[in-house]
Amino acid sequence: MASRFADPEAKKIGFVPENRIDAVAFLDANWKLVFREKANEARVNKVELYDRRTDRDEIRNIAAQHPREVDHMMTEIGRWLEAQKQVRSSLSRGPKATLDQKTLDRLRSLGYLGGK
């Protein structure tokens, strides 16, 4: 799985959400772990681990050979996902905005809103 996120100069810890396939990647200096919550729907592996030092093209999924690394990185992903859930929850508590008809018409004319 070649990825634009496979950068050997990446920070020690980093997260890269891949929204189209509902996945998140955890990168450190040596490893890249890809986790997909809805892997069954997409018919792909739920967890993939790549050695960034020797497999820059991400061809060999070595998750089965490195269960300790997978467990450690999955713990970190779990923490990050929980933090994201809390952020989304706190953002959704705000008051609802109301838009005047002129603004709604303008947004509709620009294609941001559907219907009439």
N, C-alpha and C. Protein backbone atom coordinates (compact mmCIF):
# COMPACT_ATOMS: atom_id res chain seq x y z
N MET A 1 0.85 -1.17 0.00
CA MET A 1 0.00 0.00 0.00
C MET A 1 0.88 1.22 0.00
N ALA A 2 1.20 1.74 -1.13
CA ALA A 2 1.98 2.96 -1.20
C ALA A 2 1.13 4.11 -0.69
N SER A 3 1.77 5.01 0.03
CA SER A 3 1.01 6.11 0.64
C SER A 3 1.81 7.38 0.58
N ARG A 4 1.12 8.47 0.39
CA ARG A 4 1.79 9.76 0.41
C ARG A 4 2.23 10.12 1.82
N PHE A 5 1.77 9.35 2.82
CA PHE A 5 2.11 9.66 4.20
C PHE A 5 3.37 8.92 4.67
N ALA A 6 3.98 8.11 3.84
CA ALA A 6 5.15 7.34 4.25
C ALA A 6 6.39 8.21 4.12
N ASP A 7 6.63 9.01 5.11
CA ASP A 7 7.76 9.94 5.13
C ASP A 7 8.74 9.52 6.21
N PRO A 8 9.93 9.07 5.85
CA PRO A 8 10.88 8.60 6.86
C PRO A 8 11.34 9.72 7.79
N GLU A 9 11.10 10.97 7.44
CA GLU A 9 11.50 12.09 8.29
C GLU A 9 10.35 12.55 9.20
N ALA A 10 9.30 11.74 9.33
CA ALA A 10 8.13 12.13 10.13
C ALA A 10 8.51 12.31 11.59
N LYS A 11 7.69 13.05 12.30
CA LYS A 11 7.89 13.24 13.73
C LYS A 11 7.87 11.90 14.43
N LYS A 12 8.35 11.86 15.66
CA LYS A 12 8.40 10.62 16.42
C LYS A 12 7.02 9.98 16.52
N ILE A 13 5.99 10.78 16.76
CA ILE A 13 4.63 10.27 16.84
C ILE A 13 3.75 11.15 15.98
N GLY A 14 2.90 10.56 15.19
CA GLY A 14 2.00 11.35 14.38
C GLY A 14 0.81 10.55 13.94
N PHE A 15 -0.30 11.22 13.73
CA PHE A 15 -1.52 10.58 13.28
C PHE A 15 -1.95 11.19 11.97
N VAL A 16 -2.42 10.36 11.07
CA VAL A 16 -2.88 10.82 9.77
C VAL A 16 -4.24 10.18 9.50
N PRO A 17 -5.34 10.93 9.66
CA PRO A 17 -6.63 10.33 9.33
C PRO A 17 -6.83 10.27 7.82
N GLU A 18 -7.33 9.14 7.36
CA GLU A 18 -7.63 8.99 5.94
C GLU A 18 -9.15 8.85 5.84
N ASN A 19 -9.83 9.97 5.71
CA ASN A 19 -11.28 10.03 5.87
C ASN A 19 -12.06 9.23 4.84
N ARG A 20 -11.59 9.16 3.64
CA ARG A 20 -12.37 8.47 2.62
C ARG A 20 -12.53 6.98 2.91
N ILE A 21 -11.56 6.40 3.56
CA ILE A 21 -11.64 4.97 3.86
C ILE A 21 -11.77 4.74 5.35
N ASP A 22 -12.13 5.77 6.09
CA ASP A 22 -12.35 5.67 7.53
C ASP A 22 -11.19 4.98 8.21
N ALA A 23 -10.01 5.50 8.00
CA ALA A 23 -8.80 4.90 8.55
C ALA A 23 -7.94 5.96 9.22
N VAL A 24 -7.04 5.49 10.07
CA VAL A 24 -6.07 6.38 10.67
C VAL A 24 -4.72 5.66 10.62
N ALA A 25 -3.67 6.41 10.39
CA ALA A 25 -2.33 5.85 10.37
C ALA A 25 -1.53 6.45 11.51
N PHE A 26 -0.78 5.62 12.19
CA PHE A 26 0.11 6.04 13.27
C PHE A 26 1.53 5.82 12.78
N LEU A 27 2.32 6.88 12.81
CA LEU A 27 3.69 6.79 12.31
C LEU A 27 4.68 7.12 13.40
N ASP A 28 5.78 6.39 13.44
CA ASP A 28 6.93 6.81 14.22
C ASP A 28 8.16 6.65 13.33
N ALA A 29 9.33 6.77 13.89
CA ALA A 29 10.54 6.74 13.07
C ALA A 29 10.72 5.42 12.33
N ASN A 30 10.21 4.32 12.90
CA ASN A 30 10.46 3.00 12.33
C ASN A 30 9.25 2.33 11.71
N TRP A 31 8.06 2.65 12.19
CA TRP A 31 6.87 1.90 11.83
C TRP A 31 5.75 2.78 11.33
N LYS A 32 4.89 2.19 10.52
CA LYS A 32 3.63 2.82 10.16
C LYS A 32 2.54 1.76 10.36
N LEU A 33 1.57 2.11 11.21
CA LEU A 33 0.45 1.22 11.44
C LEU A 33 -0.80 1.88 10.87
N VAL A 34 -1.55 1.15 10.07
CA VAL A 34 -2.81 1.63 9.51
C VAL A 34 -3.93 0.85 10.18
N PHE A 35 -4.90 1.58 10.74
CA PHE A 35 -6.06 0.97 11.38
C PHE A 35 -7.32 1.45 10.70
N ARG A 36 -8.18 0.51 10.34
CA ARG A 36 -9.45 0.84 9.68
C ARG A 36 -10.59 0.24 10.49
N GLU A 37 -11.40 1.11 11.09
CA GLU A 37 -12.54 0.63 11.88
C GLU A 37 -13.54 -0.14 11.02
N LYS A 38 -13.77 0.30 9.81
CA LYS A 38 -14.77 -0.32 8.94
C LYS A 38 -14.11 -1.12 7.83
N ALA A 39 -13.09 -1.88 8.19
CA ALA A 39 -12.33 -2.63 7.20
C ALA A 39 -13.19 -3.66 6.47
N ASN A 40 -14.11 -4.30 7.17
CA ASN A 40 -14.94 -5.33 6.53
C ASN A 40 -15.76 -4.76 5.40
N GLU A 41 -16.30 -3.55 5.60
CA GLU A 41 -17.11 -2.91 4.55
C GLU A 41 -16.28 -2.63 3.30
N ALA A 42 -15.02 -2.28 3.50
CA ALA A 42 -14.15 -1.96 2.37
C ALA A 42 -13.38 -3.18 1.86
N ARG A 43 -13.55 -4.30 2.56
CA ARG A 43 -12.85 -5.55 2.22
C ARG A 43 -11.33 -5.38 2.18
N VAL A 44 -10.83 -4.74 3.22
CA VAL A 44 -9.39 -4.55 3.38
C VAL A 44 -8.99 -5.00 4.78
N ASN A 45 -7.69 -5.09 5.03
CA ASN A 45 -7.20 -5.46 6.35
C ASN A 45 -7.56 -4.41 7.38
N LYS A 46 -7.93 -4.85 8.57
CA LYS A 46 -8.25 -3.91 9.64
C LYS A 46 -6.98 -3.25 10.17
N VAL A 47 -5.90 -4.01 10.28
CA VAL A 47 -4.63 -3.49 10.78
C VAL A 47 -3.52 -3.90 9.83
N GLU A 48 -2.68 -2.94 9.51
CA GLU A 48 -1.48 -3.21 8.69
C GLU A 48 -0.31 -2.51 9.35
N LEU A 49 0.83 -3.18 9.37
CA LEU A 49 2.05 -2.62 9.93
C LEU A 49 3.16 -2.72 8.89
N TYR A 50 3.86 -1.61 8.70
CA TYR A 50 4.96 -1.56 7.74
C TYR A 50 6.22 -1.05 8.42
N ASP A 51 7.35 -1.61 8.02
CA ASP A 51 8.65 -1.14 8.50
C ASP A 51 9.10 -0.02 7.58
N ARG A 52 9.11 1.18 8.08
CA ARG A 52 9.41 2.35 7.25
C ARG A 52 10.88 2.40 6.83
N ARG A 53 11.73 1.68 7.55
CA ARG A 53 13.16 1.69 7.22
C ARG A 53 13.47 0.81 6.02
N THR A 54 12.76 -0.32 5.91
CA THR A 54 13.10 -1.30 4.87
C THR A 54 12.03 -1.49 3.81
N ASP A 55 10.84 -0.91 4.02
CA ASP A 55 9.72 -1.13 3.11
C ASP A 55 9.02 0.19 2.82
N ARG A 56 9.74 1.08 2.17
CA ARG A 56 9.19 2.41 1.91
C ARG A 56 7.96 2.39 1.01
N ASP A 57 7.83 1.37 0.19
CA ASP A 57 6.67 1.25 -0.69
C ASP A 57 5.48 0.58 -0.01
N GLU A 58 5.66 0.18 1.23
CA GLU A 58 4.60 -0.44 2.03
C GLU A 58 3.97 -1.62 1.31
N ILE A 59 4.82 -2.56 0.98
CA ILE A 59 4.38 -3.74 0.25
C ILE A 59 4.13 -4.91 1.20
N ARG A 60 4.94 -5.03 2.26
CA ARG A 60 4.85 -6.18 3.16
C ARG A 60 4.18 -5.79 4.48
N ASN A 61 2.95 -6.25 4.67
CA ASN A 61 2.24 -6.06 5.92
C ASN A 61 2.82 -7.06 6.92
N ILE A 62 3.50 -6.56 7.95
CA ILE A 62 4.18 -7.43 8.91
C ILE A 62 3.52 -7.38 10.30
N ALA A 63 2.25 -7.04 10.34
CA ALA A 63 1.54 -6.94 11.63
C ALA A 63 1.59 -8.26 12.40
N ALA A 64 1.41 -9.37 11.72
CA ALA A 64 1.39 -10.67 12.40
C ALA A 64 2.75 -11.01 13.02
N GLN A 65 3.84 -10.52 12.44
CA GLN A 65 5.17 -10.82 12.95
C GLN A 65 5.59 -9.90 14.10
N HIS A 66 4.85 -8.82 14.34
CA HIS A 66 5.23 -7.84 15.37
C HIS A 66 4.03 -7.47 16.25
N PRO A 67 3.49 -8.45 16.98
CA PRO A 67 2.28 -8.17 17.77
C PRO A 67 2.50 -7.13 18.87
N ARG A 68 3.71 -7.08 19.43
CA ARG A 68 3.97 -6.09 20.49
C ARG A 68 3.91 -4.66 19.96
N GLU A 69 4.50 -4.45 18.79
CA GLU A 69 4.43 -3.12 18.17
C GLU A 69 2.99 -2.75 17.84
N VAL A 70 2.25 -3.71 17.28
CA VAL A 70 0.85 -3.47 16.93
C VAL A 70 0.06 -3.10 18.18
N ASP A 71 0.24 -3.86 19.27
CA ASP A 71 -0.50 -3.57 20.52
C ASP A 71 -0.17 -2.18 21.04
N HIS A 72 1.10 -1.83 21.04
CA HIS A 72 1.52 -0.51 21.53
C HIS A 72 0.90 0.61 20.68
N MET A 73 1.00 0.46 19.37
CA MET A 73 0.51 1.50 18.48
C MET A 73 -1.02 1.56 18.50
N MET A 74 -1.69 0.42 18.65
CA MET A 74 -3.15 0.42 18.74
C MET A 74 -3.61 1.11 20.03
N THR A 75 -2.85 0.97 21.10
CA THR A 75 -3.18 1.68 22.34
C THR A 75 -3.12 3.18 22.10
N GLU A 76 -2.10 3.64 21.42
CA GLU A 76 -1.97 5.07 21.12
C GLU A 76 -3.09 5.54 20.19
N ILE A 77 -3.42 4.73 19.19
CA ILE A 77 -4.51 5.09 18.29
C ILE A 77 -5.82 5.18 19.07
N GLY A 78 -6.05 4.23 19.97
CA GLY A 78 -7.25 4.26 20.79
C GLY A 78 -7.36 5.54 21.60
N ARG A 79 -6.25 5.96 22.17
CA ARG A 79 -6.24 7.23 22.94
C ARG A 79 -6.56 8.41 22.03
N TRP A 80 -5.96 8.42 20.86
CA TRP A 80 -6.18 9.53 19.93
C TRP A 80 -7.63 9.56 19.46
N LEU A 81 -8.18 8.38 19.11
CA LEU A 81 -9.57 8.32 18.67
C LEU A 81 -10.52 8.79 19.77
N GLU A 82 -10.25 8.42 21.00
CA GLU A 82 -11.08 8.86 22.12
C GLU A 82 -10.99 10.38 22.28
N ALA A 83 -9.80 10.93 22.15
CA ALA A 83 -9.65 12.40 22.24
C ALA A 83 -10.42 13.09 21.12
N GLN A 84 -10.39 12.51 19.91
CA GLN A 84 -11.14 13.09 18.79
C GLN A 84 -12.64 13.05 19.06
N LYS A 85 -13.10 11.95 19.66
CA LYS A 85 -14.51 11.82 20.00
C LYS A 85 -14.93 12.91 21.00
N GLN A 86 -14.07 13.17 21.99
CA GLN A 86 -14.37 14.19 22.97
C GLN A 86 -14.40 15.58 22.34
N VAL A 87 -13.48 15.85 21.43
CA VAL A 87 -13.47 17.14 20.75
C VAL A 87 -14.75 17.32 19.94
N ARG A 88 -15.12 16.29 19.16
CA ARG A 88 -16.35 16.38 18.37
C ARG A 88 -17.57 16.59 19.26
N SER A 89 -17.59 15.92 20.38
CA SER A 89 -18.72 16.05 21.30
C SER A 89 -18.82 17.46 21.85
N SER A 90 -17.69 18.04 22.23
CA SER A 90 -17.73 19.39 22.78
C SER A 90 -18.06 20.43 21.71
N LEU A 91 -17.65 20.18 20.47
CA LEU A 91 -17.97 21.11 19.39
C LEU A 91 -19.45 21.06 19.01
N SER A 92 -20.05 19.91 19.15
CA SER A 92 -21.44 19.79 18.73
C SER A 92 -22.41 20.37 19.75
N ARG A 93 -21.93 20.78 20.91
CA ARG A 93 -22.81 21.32 21.95
C ARG A 93 -23.15 22.79 21.77
N GLY A 94 -22.53 23.45 20.82
CA GLY A 94 -22.73 24.88 20.65
C GLY A 94 -24.12 25.21 20.13
N PRO A 95 -24.47 26.48 20.20
CA PRO A 95 -25.80 26.88 19.71
C PRO A 95 -25.88 26.74 18.19
N LYS A 96 -27.07 26.50 17.72
CA LYS A 96 -27.27 26.39 16.27
C LYS A 96 -27.37 27.79 15.68
N ALA A 97 -26.72 27.93 14.54
CA ALA A 97 -26.74 29.22 13.86
C ALA A 97 -27.93 29.26 12.91
N THR A 98 -28.51 30.42 12.78
CA THR A 98 -29.58 30.60 11.79
C THR A 98 -29.08 31.56 10.73
N LEU A 99 -29.43 31.25 9.51
CA LEU A 99 -28.98 32.07 8.38
C LEU A 99 -30.18 32.77 7.76
N ASP A 100 -29.94 33.99 7.36
CA ASP A 100 -31.03 34.72 6.71
C ASP A 100 -31.22 34.20 5.28
N GLN A 101 -32.35 34.53 4.68
CA GLN A 101 -32.71 34.01 3.36
C GLN A 101 -31.69 34.40 2.29
N LYS A 102 -31.14 35.60 2.37
CA LYS A 102 -30.16 36.06 1.38
C LYS A 102 -28.92 35.18 1.42
N THR A 103 -28.45 34.86 2.63
CA THR A 103 -27.28 34.00 2.78
C THR A 103 -27.57 32.60 2.28
N LEU A 104 -28.75 32.07 2.63
CA LEU A 104 -29.14 30.74 2.14
C LEU A 104 -29.18 30.69 0.62
N ASP A 105 -29.76 31.72 0.00
CA ASP A 105 -29.83 31.79 -1.46
C ASP A 105 -28.44 31.83 -2.08
N ARG A 106 -27.55 32.60 -1.47
CA ARG A 106 -26.18 32.72 -1.98
C ARG A 106 -25.45 31.38 -1.87
N LEU A 107 -25.56 30.70 -0.74
CA LEU A 107 -24.93 29.40 -0.55
C LEU A 107 -25.48 28.39 -1.55
N ARG A 108 -26.78 28.44 -1.80
CA ARG A 108 -27.41 27.53 -2.75
C ARG A 108 -26.89 27.82 -4.16
N SER A 109 -26.76 29.09 -4.52
CA SER A 109 -26.28 29.45 -5.87
C SER A 109 -24.83 29.02 -6.08
N LEU A 110 -24.07 28.91 -5.01
CA LEU A 110 -22.67 28.48 -5.10
C LEU A 110 -22.52 26.96 -5.05
N GLY A 111 -23.65 26.27 -4.82
CA GLY A 111 -23.61 24.81 -4.80
C GLY A 111 -23.35 24.21 -3.44
N TYR A 112 -23.34 25.02 -2.39
CA TYR A 112 -23.10 24.50 -1.04
C TYR A 112 -24.35 23.88 -0.44
N LEU A 113 -25.51 24.27 -0.91
CA LEU A 113 -26.78 23.73 -0.43
C LEU A 113 -27.55 23.19 -1.62
N GLY A 114 -28.21 22.06 -1.41
CA GLY A 114 -29.00 21.47 -2.48
C GLY A 114 -30.45 21.91 -2.38
N GLY A 115 -31.22 21.52 -3.33
CA GLY A 115 -32.65 21.80 -3.33
C GLY A 115 -32.98 23.22 -3.69
N LYS A 116 -34.26 23.57 -3.49
CA LYS A 116 -34.71 24.93 -3.83
C LYS A 116 -35.01 25.75 -2.61
